[in-house]
Protein backbone atom coordinates (compact mmCIF):
# COMPACT_ATOMS: atom_id res chain seq x y z
CA MET A 1 -95.90 -43.58 7.39
CA LEU A 2 -92.82 -41.34 7.51
CA VAL A 3 -93.02 -38.34 9.77
CA VAL A 4 -90.52 -35.49 9.22
CA LEU A 5 -89.74 -33.32 12.21
CA CYS A 6 -88.13 -29.90 11.74
CA SER A 7 -87.39 -27.19 14.27
CA VAL A 8 -88.50 -23.62 13.67
CA PRO A 9 -86.62 -20.87 15.54
CA ASN A 10 -88.50 -18.65 17.86
CA ILE A 11 -89.32 -15.63 15.75
CA SER A 12 -89.67 -13.26 18.68
CA VAL A 13 -86.32 -14.24 20.15
CA PHE A 14 -84.63 -13.90 16.76
CA ALA A 15 -86.13 -10.45 16.30
CA GLN A 16 -84.89 -9.33 19.70
CA GLU A 17 -81.36 -10.53 18.93
CA THR A 18 -81.41 -8.75 15.57
CA GLN A 19 -82.57 -5.53 17.19
CA ALA A 20 -79.86 -5.79 19.83
CA ALA A 21 -77.22 -6.33 17.15
CA GLU A 22 -78.42 -3.31 15.21
CA GLU A 23 -78.37 -1.19 18.34
CA SER A 24 -74.81 -2.30 19.02
CA LYS A 25 -73.83 -1.26 15.50
CA GLU A 26 -75.14 2.25 15.96
CA VAL A 27 -72.42 4.88 15.61
CA LYS A 28 -71.47 6.31 18.94
CA PRO A 29 -71.12 10.07 19.17
CA ALA A 30 -67.60 11.24 18.33
CA GLN A 31 -65.39 11.99 21.29
CA PRO A 32 -64.06 15.52 21.39
CA ALA A 33 -60.50 15.82 20.11
CA GLN A 34 -57.95 15.70 22.89
CA GLU A 35 -56.36 19.06 23.55
CA LEU A 36 -52.71 19.14 22.53
CA LYS A 37 -50.35 19.96 25.36
CA PRO A 38 -46.64 20.77 25.27
CA PHE A 39 -44.21 18.23 26.63
CA THR A 40 -40.75 19.58 25.74
CA THR A 41 -41.10 22.30 28.39
CA ILE A 42 -41.01 19.71 31.17
CA ASP A 43 -37.39 20.83 31.59
CA PRO A 44 -36.75 24.45 30.50
CA THR A 45 -33.00 23.76 30.62
CA ILE A 46 -33.14 20.70 28.35
CA PRO A 47 -29.96 20.35 26.21
CA LEU A 48 -30.37 21.55 22.65
CA ASP A 49 -29.34 18.23 21.07
CA GLN A 50 -31.99 16.38 23.07
CA LEU A 51 -34.61 18.97 22.17
CA LYS A 52 -33.81 18.54 18.47
CA ILE A 53 -34.44 14.81 18.78
CA MET A 54 -37.74 15.36 20.60
CA VAL A 55 -39.20 17.82 18.07
CA ARG A 56 -38.16 15.93 14.94
CA PRO A 57 -41.16 13.51 14.79
CA LEU A 58 -43.76 16.11 15.83
CA THR A 59 -46.44 17.32 13.44
CA LYS A 60 -47.06 20.92 12.49
CA GLN A 61 -49.91 21.24 15.01
CA GLU A 62 -47.85 19.71 17.81
CA LEU A 63 -44.90 21.95 17.02
CA GLN A 64 -47.18 24.98 17.10
CA VAL A 65 -48.18 24.07 20.65
CA GLU A 66 -44.54 23.59 21.63
CA ALA A 67 -43.58 26.92 20.07
CA ASP A 68 -46.34 28.71 21.97
CA ALA A 69 -45.18 27.14 25.23
CA TRP A 70 -41.54 28.16 24.77
CA PHE A 71 -42.72 31.59 23.63
CA LYS A 72 -44.61 32.03 26.91
CA LEU A 73 -41.47 31.21 28.85
CA LEU A 74 -39.44 33.67 26.78
CA HIS A 75 -42.12 36.35 27.07
CA ASN A 76 -42.23 36.10 30.85
CA LYS A 77 -38.44 36.13 31.04
CA ALA A 78 -38.45 39.33 28.98
CA ARG A 79 -40.96 40.79 31.43
CA GLN A 80 -38.67 39.89 34.31
CA ILE A 81 -35.79 41.67 32.58
CA ALA A 82 -37.95 44.73 31.95
CA ALA A 83 -39.01 44.71 35.61
CA ALA A 84 -35.37 44.51 36.71
CA ARG A 85 -34.44 47.46 34.49
CA LEU A 86 -37.37 49.41 35.85
CA GLY A 87 -36.16 48.50 39.34
CA VAL A 88 -32.77 50.02 38.51
CA LYS A 89 -34.52 53.23 37.46
CA LYS A 90 -36.48 53.31 40.72
CA THR A 91 -33.37 52.73 42.80
CA ASN A 92 -31.68 55.58 40.94
CA GLU A 93 -34.59 57.79 41.92
CA ALA A 94 -34.21 56.70 45.54
CA ILE A 95 -30.47 57.41 45.45
CA SER A 96 -30.84 60.85 43.88
CA THR A 97 -33.63 62.11 46.12
CA SER A 98 -33.03 63.72 49.50
CA ASP A 99 -36.50 62.85 50.78
CA ASP A 100 -36.39 59.58 52.75
CA ARG A 101 -40.13 59.01 52.33
CA GLN A 102 -39.92 59.34 48.54
CA ALA A 103 -36.87 57.07 48.51
CA LEU A 104 -38.77 54.39 50.43
CA GLU A 105 -41.69 54.66 48.01
CA SER A 106 -39.33 54.18 45.05
CA LEU A 107 -37.80 51.13 46.70
CA LYS A 108 -41.23 49.64 47.36
CA LYS A 109 -42.26 50.21 43.73
CA ALA A 110 -39.08 48.57 42.48
CA GLU A 111 -39.65 45.61 44.78
CA SER A 112 -43.32 45.30 43.82
CA VAL A 113 -42.69 45.37 40.06
CA GLN A 114 -40.02 42.68 40.26
CA GLN A 115 -42.02 40.42 42.57
CA THR A 116 -45.04 40.62 40.27
CA ALA A 117 -43.00 39.73 37.19
CA ASP A 118 -41.23 36.91 39.04
CA LYS A 119 -44.52 35.51 40.30
CA ILE A 120 -46.07 35.46 36.83
CA ALA A 121 -42.96 33.82 35.36
CA LYS A 122 -42.89 31.19 38.11
CA GLU A 123 -46.58 30.37 37.71
CA THR A 124 -46.25 30.08 33.94
CA GLU A 125 -43.25 27.79 34.22
CA GLU A 126 -45.02 25.56 36.73
CA GLU A 127 -48.15 25.47 34.57
CA LEU A 128 -46.21 24.44 31.46
CA MET A 129 -44.26 21.82 33.38
CA GLN A 130 -47.54 20.42 34.75
CA LYS A 131 -49.01 20.21 31.24
CA ALA A 132 -45.87 18.49 30.00
CA GLN A 133 -46.10 15.94 32.81
CA GLU A 134 -49.75 15.30 31.99
CA ASN A 135 -48.92 14.88 28.30
CA LEU A 136 -46.21 12.35 29.12
CA GLY A 137 -48.46 10.50 31.58
CA LEU A 138 -46.28 11.35 34.54
CA ASP A 139 -49.05 12.69 36.81
CA SER A 140 -49.41 9.75 39.12
CA ALA A 141 -45.74 8.92 39.08
CA VAL A 142 -44.78 12.49 39.90
CA ASP A 143 -47.39 12.82 42.64
CA ALA A 144 -46.45 9.49 44.19
CA ALA A 145 -42.76 10.20 44.16
CA LYS A 146 -43.08 13.89 45.06
CA PRO A 147 -41.24 14.59 48.34
CA ASP A 148 -41.96 17.31 50.79
CA GLN A 149 -41.86 20.70 49.08
CA SER A 150 -39.48 22.29 51.54
CA SER A 151 -37.01 19.42 51.29
CA THR A 152 -37.23 19.50 47.50
CA GLU A 153 -36.48 23.20 47.35
CA GLN A 154 -33.59 22.76 49.77
CA ALA A 155 -32.18 19.87 47.75
CA ALA A 156 -32.48 21.85 44.54
CA ALA A 157 -30.72 24.79 46.11
CA ASP A 158 -27.93 22.52 47.37
CA GLN A 159 -27.58 20.92 43.96
CA ASN A 160 -27.37 24.28 42.20
CA THR A 161 -24.74 25.41 44.68
CA THR A 162 -22.74 22.21 44.22
CA GLU A 163 -22.82 22.31 40.44
CA GLY A 164 -21.97 25.97 40.29
CA GLU A 165 -25.19 26.86 38.46
CA PRO A 166 -27.06 30.04 39.32
CA ALA A 167 -30.08 29.66 41.54
CA ASP A 168 -33.53 30.67 40.38
CA SER A 169 -33.48 34.32 39.41
CA SER A 170 -36.92 34.99 40.88
CA ALA A 171 -35.78 33.74 44.28
CA GLN A 172 -32.67 35.86 44.01
CA THR A 173 -34.80 38.90 43.24
CA GLY A 174 -36.83 38.32 46.37
CA ASN A 175 -33.69 37.92 48.42
CA ALA A 176 -32.33 41.10 46.91
CA ALA A 177 -35.46 42.98 47.91
CA LYS A 178 -35.29 41.62 51.44
CA ALA A 179 -31.61 42.42 51.77
CA ALA A 180 -32.17 45.92 50.45
CA THR A 181 -34.96 46.72 52.93
CA PRO A 182 -33.57 49.44 55.16
CA ASP A 183 -33.18 48.61 58.82
CA GLU A 184 -32.85 50.95 61.73
CA ASP A 185 -29.13 51.54 61.19
CA SER A 186 -29.17 52.07 57.40
CA THR A 187 -30.50 54.94 55.34
CA PRO A 188 -32.85 54.56 52.35
CA THR A 189 -30.07 55.78 50.08
CA HIS A 190 -27.71 53.05 51.24
CA ALA A 191 -30.47 50.45 50.91
CA ALA A 192 -31.15 51.67 47.38
CA GLU A 193 -27.48 51.33 46.45
CA VAL A 194 -27.37 47.77 47.78
CA MET A 195 -30.60 46.87 46.01
CA LYS A 196 -29.37 48.37 42.73
CA GLU A 197 -26.17 46.36 42.83
CA GLN A 198 -28.06 43.13 43.50
CA ILE A 199 -30.57 43.87 40.74
CA LEU A 200 -27.76 44.47 38.24
CA VAL A 201 -26.13 41.16 39.18
CA ASN A 202 -29.47 39.39 38.83
CA LEU A 203 -30.12 41.14 35.52
CA THR A 204 -27.10 39.43 33.95
CA LYS A 205 -28.44 36.03 35.03
CA LEU A 206 -31.88 36.86 33.67
CA GLN A 207 -30.33 37.77 30.31
CA ASP A 208 -28.46 34.45 30.25
CA GLU A 209 -31.72 32.61 30.93
CA ARG A 210 -33.43 34.60 28.18
CA THR A 211 -30.71 33.65 25.70
CA ALA A 212 -31.05 29.98 26.65
CA LEU A 213 -34.83 30.12 26.16
CA SER A 214 -34.37 31.87 22.80
CA ASP A 215 -32.05 29.08 21.65
CA ARG A 216 -34.60 26.42 22.56
CA LEU A 217 -37.41 28.32 20.90
CA GLU A 218 -35.27 28.60 17.75
CA VAL A 219 -34.85 24.81 17.71
CA VAL A 220 -38.63 24.37 17.76
CA LEU A 221 -39.12 27.11 15.16
CA ALA A 222 -36.59 25.52 12.80
CA SER A 223 -38.53 22.25 12.85
CA LEU A 224 -41.85 24.08 12.55
CA SER A 225 -40.59 26.07 9.55
CA LEU A 226 -39.50 22.87 7.78
CA LYS A 227 -43.02 21.50 8.19
CA GLY A 228 -44.78 24.54 6.77
CA GLY A 229 -45.40 26.60 9.89
CA ASP A 230 -45.34 30.39 10.04
CA VAL A 231 -42.48 31.40 12.34
CA GLU A 232 -41.85 34.98 11.24
CA SER A 233 -43.66 36.63 14.17
CA TYR A 234 -41.80 34.46 16.69
CA ARG A 235 -38.41 35.32 15.21
CA LYS A 236 -39.22 39.01 15.08
CA TYR A 237 -40.04 38.90 18.78
CA ILE A 238 -36.79 37.06 19.54
CA ALA A 239 -34.84 39.71 17.64
CA ALA A 240 -36.72 42.48 19.46
CA VAL A 241 -35.98 41.24 22.99
CA SER A 242 -32.45 39.94 22.38
CA GLY A 243 -29.25 41.75 23.21
CA ILE A 244 -28.38 44.01 26.11
CA ASP A 245 -29.46 47.61 26.63
CA LEU A 246 -26.83 49.89 28.11
CA ASP A 247 -27.96 53.06 29.85
CA THR A 248 -25.12 55.43 29.05
CA SER A 249 -26.53 57.97 31.48
CA ASP A 250 -25.91 55.52 34.34
CA ALA A 251 -22.21 54.69 34.45
CA SER A 252 -22.48 51.98 37.12
CA ALA A 253 -25.34 50.20 35.34
CA ALA A 254 -23.49 50.36 32.00
CA TRP A 255 -20.32 48.98 33.59
CA TYR A 256 -22.20 46.14 35.27
CA GLY A 257 -23.91 45.36 31.96
CA ILE A 258 -20.63 45.18 30.04
CA LYS A 259 -18.79 43.25 32.73
CA GLY A 260 -21.68 40.86 33.22
CA TRP A 261 -21.94 40.20 29.49
CA ILE A 262 -18.21 39.51 29.18
CA VAL A 263 -18.09 36.94 31.99
CA SER A 264 -21.52 35.40 31.35
CA LYS A 265 -21.78 31.94 29.86
CA GLU A 266 -24.34 33.00 27.26
CA GLY A 267 -22.61 36.29 26.49
CA GLY A 268 -18.89 36.92 26.21
CA GLN A 269 -17.86 33.31 26.76
CA ARG A 270 -20.25 32.16 24.08
CA MET A 271 -19.07 34.83 21.64
CA SER A 272 -15.42 33.95 22.29
CA TRP A 273 -16.11 30.28 21.67
CA ASN A 274 -18.02 31.06 18.48
CA LEU A 275 -15.26 33.37 17.25
CA GLY A 276 -12.70 30.66 17.90
CA LYS A 277 -14.76 28.16 15.91
CA PHE A 278 -15.11 30.72 13.11
CA LEU A 279 -11.34 31.18 12.81
CA VAL A 280 -10.63 27.44 13.03
CA ILE A 281 -13.18 26.69 10.30
CA LEU A 282 -11.65 29.37 8.07
CA LEU A 283 -8.16 27.93 8.60
CA ILE A 284 -9.31 24.40 7.83
CA THR A 285 -11.21 25.66 4.79
CA TRP A 286 -8.11 27.45 3.49
CA LEU A 287 -6.02 24.29 3.85
CA VAL A 288 -8.68 22.09 2.24
CA ALA A 289 -9.07 24.57 -0.64
CA ARG A 290 -5.33 24.57 -1.36
CA ILE A 291 -5.10 20.78 -1.14
CA GLY A 292 -8.19 20.33 -3.31
CA SER A 293 -6.84 22.75 -5.90
CA ALA A 294 -3.47 20.95 -6.00
CA ILE A 295 -5.14 17.54 -6.37
CA MET A 296 -7.35 18.83 -9.18
CA ARG A 297 -4.37 20.33 -10.98
CA TRP A 298 -2.47 17.03 -10.68
CA VAL A 299 -5.43 15.07 -12.07
CA LEU A 300 -5.85 17.47 -14.98
CA GLU A 301 -2.15 17.37 -15.85
CA ARG A 302 -1.73 13.59 -15.57
CA LYS A 303 -5.09 12.21 -16.67
CA VAL A 304 -7.16 14.70 -18.65
CA ARG A 305 -4.43 16.69 -20.42
CA LEU A 306 -6.22 19.99 -20.92
CA THR A 307 -4.62 23.27 -21.85
CA GLN A 308 -2.75 25.08 -19.14
CA LEU A 309 -5.34 27.86 -19.29
CA ALA A 310 -8.14 25.38 -18.54
CA GLU A 311 -6.10 23.69 -15.81
CA ASN A 312 -5.40 27.00 -14.08
CA LEU A 313 -9.01 28.13 -14.37
CA ILE A 314 -10.55 24.87 -13.15
CA SER A 315 -8.17 24.52 -10.20
CA SER A 316 -8.68 28.13 -9.12
CA THR A 317 -12.46 27.76 -9.47
CA ILE A 318 -12.44 24.65 -7.27
CA LYS A 319 -10.38 26.53 -4.71
CA ASN A 320 -12.78 29.49 -4.66
CA ILE A 321 -15.87 27.28 -4.40
CA ILE A 322 -14.44 25.35 -1.45
CA PHE A 323 -13.53 28.58 0.29
CA LEU A 324 -16.99 30.08 -0.26
CA ILE A 325 -18.67 26.98 1.17
CA GLY A 326 -16.33 27.00 4.14
CA PHE A 327 -16.94 30.70 4.72
CA ALA A 328 -20.71 30.11 4.77
CA ILE A 329 -20.22 27.32 7.30
CA ALA A 330 -17.96 29.58 9.36
CA LEU A 331 -20.68 32.24 9.46
CA THR A 332 -23.06 29.73 11.02
CA ALA A 333 -20.49 29.27 13.80
CA LEU A 334 -21.06 32.96 14.60
CA GLU A 335 -24.80 32.16 14.76
CA ILE A 336 -25.41 34.14 11.57
CA ASP A 337 -28.25 32.72 9.52
CA VAL A 338 -27.13 32.63 5.87
CA THR A 339 -30.55 31.50 4.62
CA PRO A 340 -31.94 35.05 4.25
CA LEU A 341 -28.75 36.08 2.44
CA LEU A 342 -29.10 33.23 -0.06
CA ALA A 343 -32.79 34.00 -0.49
CA ALA A 344 -31.98 37.67 -1.14
CA ILE A 345 -29.40 36.70 -3.76
CA GLY A 346 -31.94 34.48 -5.48
CA ALA A 347 -34.63 37.16 -5.36
CA THR A 348 -32.33 39.79 -6.88
CA GLY A 349 -30.91 37.43 -9.48
CA LEU A 350 -32.75 39.11 -12.37
CA VAL A 351 -31.65 42.60 -11.33
CA VAL A 352 -28.07 41.46 -10.87
CA GLY A 353 -28.15 39.71 -14.24
CA LEU A 354 -29.32 42.87 -16.01
CA ALA A 355 -26.72 44.97 -14.23
CA LEU A 356 -23.91 42.54 -15.07
CA GLN A 357 -24.70 41.90 -18.72
CA GLY A 358 -21.17 42.81 -19.78
CA THR A 359 -19.62 40.59 -17.14
CA LEU A 360 -21.86 37.67 -18.09
CA SER A 361 -20.92 38.20 -21.73
CA ASN A 362 -17.24 38.00 -20.77
CA PHE A 363 -18.01 34.88 -18.76
CA ALA A 364 -19.63 33.19 -21.77
CA SER A 365 -16.75 34.24 -24.03
CA GLY A 366 -14.27 32.81 -21.53
CA LEU A 367 -16.07 29.47 -21.64
CA MET A 368 -15.97 29.48 -25.45
CA ILE A 369 -12.24 30.21 -25.42
CA LEU A 370 -11.66 27.31 -23.01
CA ILE A 371 -13.72 24.95 -25.14
CA ASN A 372 -12.20 25.91 -28.51
CA ARG A 373 -8.66 26.52 -27.15
CA PRO A 374 -7.39 29.05 -29.72
CA PHE A 375 -4.34 29.78 -27.54
CA ASP A 376 -2.64 28.69 -24.35
CA VAL A 377 -0.40 30.17 -21.70
CA GLY A 378 2.95 31.22 -23.19
CA ASN A 379 1.65 31.68 -26.76
CA VAL A 380 2.31 34.92 -28.59
CA VAL A 381 -1.11 36.09 -29.70
CA THR A 382 -2.68 39.02 -31.45
CA ALA A 383 -6.22 39.40 -30.08
CA GLY A 384 -8.46 42.26 -29.06
CA GLY A 385 -6.07 44.74 -30.63
CA ILE A 386 -3.17 43.55 -28.44
CA THR A 387 -0.07 41.57 -29.40
CA GLY A 388 1.81 39.87 -26.61
CA THR A 389 2.43 36.72 -24.62
CA VAL A 390 -0.54 35.15 -22.83
CA LYS A 391 0.19 35.01 -19.10
CA GLN A 392 -3.08 33.93 -17.53
CA MET A 393 -6.82 33.85 -18.04
CA ASN A 394 -9.98 33.79 -15.94
CA LEU A 395 -13.62 33.69 -16.92
CA VAL A 396 -13.75 37.48 -17.26
CA SER A 397 -10.46 38.61 -18.81
CA THR A 398 -7.13 37.49 -20.27
CA THR A 399 -3.77 38.93 -19.21
CA PHE A 400 -1.11 39.73 -21.86
CA ARG A 401 2.54 40.67 -21.41
CA THR A 402 3.63 42.84 -24.35
CA PHE A 403 7.14 42.91 -25.81
CA ASP A 404 7.82 46.23 -24.09
CA ASN A 405 6.99 44.54 -20.73
CA GLN A 406 3.51 45.96 -20.23
CA THR A 407 0.77 43.93 -18.56
CA ILE A 408 -2.59 44.36 -20.27
CA HIS A 409 -5.94 42.84 -19.22
CA VAL A 410 -8.29 42.34 -22.15
CA PRO A 411 -11.99 41.40 -21.65
CA ASN A 412 -12.74 37.97 -23.04
CA ASN A 413 -15.65 39.36 -25.02
CA SER A 414 -13.29 41.63 -26.96
CA ILE A 415 -11.05 38.65 -27.75
CA TRP A 416 -13.73 36.16 -28.80
CA ASN A 417 -15.68 38.60 -30.96
CA ASN A 418 -12.60 39.55 -33.00
CA VAL A 419 -9.90 37.83 -35.03
CA ILE A 420 -7.46 35.77 -32.96
CA THR A 421 -3.98 35.26 -34.39
CA ASN A 422 -1.82 32.71 -32.62
CA ILE A 423 1.68 33.49 -33.81
CA THR A 424 3.40 30.62 -31.99
CA ALA A 425 0.78 27.94 -32.59
CA ASN A 426 2.97 26.11 -35.14
CA LYS A 427 6.60 25.14 -34.75
CA VAL A 428 7.47 26.24 -38.31
CA ARG A 429 6.35 29.55 -39.76
CA ARG A 430 7.44 32.15 -42.24
CA VAL A 431 8.91 35.41 -41.03
CA ASP A 432 8.89 38.46 -43.28
CA LEU A 433 11.73 40.90 -42.60
CA GLU A 434 12.41 44.25 -44.21
CA PHE A 435 15.93 45.74 -44.57
CA SER A 436 16.82 49.20 -45.76
CA ILE A 437 20.03 50.19 -47.52
CA GLY A 438 21.21 53.40 -49.05
CA TYR A 439 21.01 54.32 -52.71
CA ASP A 440 24.77 54.31 -53.01
CA ASP A 441 25.17 50.79 -51.52
CA ASP A 442 25.73 47.63 -53.51
CA PHE A 443 22.42 45.73 -53.61
CA GLU A 444 23.98 42.43 -54.61
CA GLN A 445 26.50 42.61 -51.80
CA ALA A 446 23.74 43.43 -49.29
CA GLU A 447 21.66 40.48 -50.47
CA GLN A 448 24.65 38.16 -50.18
CA ILE A 449 25.35 39.31 -46.61
CA ILE A 450 21.70 38.72 -45.59
CA LYS A 451 21.74 35.21 -47.06
CA GLU A 452 24.97 34.36 -45.24
CA VAL A 453 23.49 35.54 -41.92
CA LEU A 454 20.31 33.49 -42.45
CA ASP A 455 22.25 30.39 -43.48
CA GLU A 456 24.34 30.59 -40.32
CA HIS A 457 21.23 30.88 -38.07
CA GLU A 458 20.29 27.51 -36.55
CA LEU A 459 16.51 28.14 -36.61
CA VAL A 460 16.35 28.96 -40.31
CA LEU A 461 15.47 25.93 -42.45
CA LYS A 462 17.64 25.11 -45.44
CA ASP A 463 14.57 23.91 -47.31
CA PRO A 464 11.46 25.90 -46.24
CA ALA A 465 9.21 23.36 -47.92
CA ALA A 466 10.50 20.52 -45.71
């Protein structure tokens, strides 16, 4: 007898394993999306070229966070500048008043406003730097390597002094307030004058810092705009807080503002450098345009063999195009954005086209003349009611020199839409001449004299049919 043995799995154990597998396959609740944090603000003085590299791979949402962070820094810097200007007003009140108690109150208000603005700006900068460190995963590394705070501040101050960079403007404001506090030997008026001078010096540095922050925000906004972000409100704010405000009623403040702007790195020095670049670019563009025009003329004369009119027009057009492109590039050196100008030209294209119908018609006629080549430079032509020698032509008009030495500019539309007679187009042509003689003269003798004169002329053919 054959006995077959087979093993049967434990059904209960199998069921438990199946249940466990199904439980493991259950979808876990979705984790909340991680909050985006800025990371480019880890160094508010980051070089612009490095910032451009950092923002290039960011998404629209990430760039929005970065733009908001830089905007906060700029906003607080603008508040510091406003507080400094208000401090100048308060010190003016202290200087002009004869009441020492009122002068002290004005000084205290000026000090309080500046300290509040500086504190908010400092806290915001530290908060954004902390978020940037967290985003880059530098928390533990920064905490572990963080030295004593007092030694860090001292080292930073020493480094700024060594490198010739200005120290933190908020710290300088506090020092200014302390230095301006009147002691037993000084009067409130003298303290106010000292404080005003220090505030004006600090105001120039604050404006430089604001310009630097605006530049970095513009880098982020440029990348955000390319990726579909709305940057109009940011740029309007930048335009609103930029520049310097001169109080013409306060001569000393106006003088400090002008002098500070001239010697500042982000003011007069920057403008001088940009103006130099503008002039150099224009000079290079002018040279390139002339060289390009000469090369194009040589190619057309040696290789293509067009009419002289076409050669002159094409070479001059190339020269003008190169110069226009170079001029647009030169404007960017002055930090002038040409994009709105180009957009405005495109938007008003229809209106401009309707207003320049006659000019566009002349332009089209000029192209037709170049293509069909009914005449060339140096030809004697009758066209548009004018008879004379063609001197030059552009896409709008043609210049004639008449036989009585008059220079006449005729619109191309008037030439192309009328009969064009090229008198010198052929080397051989018939010339009709009329001679008058008196009734008492001998006609046969006159005819004989005319024939003799014509026979002796070298340009008159013996056989006109030849």
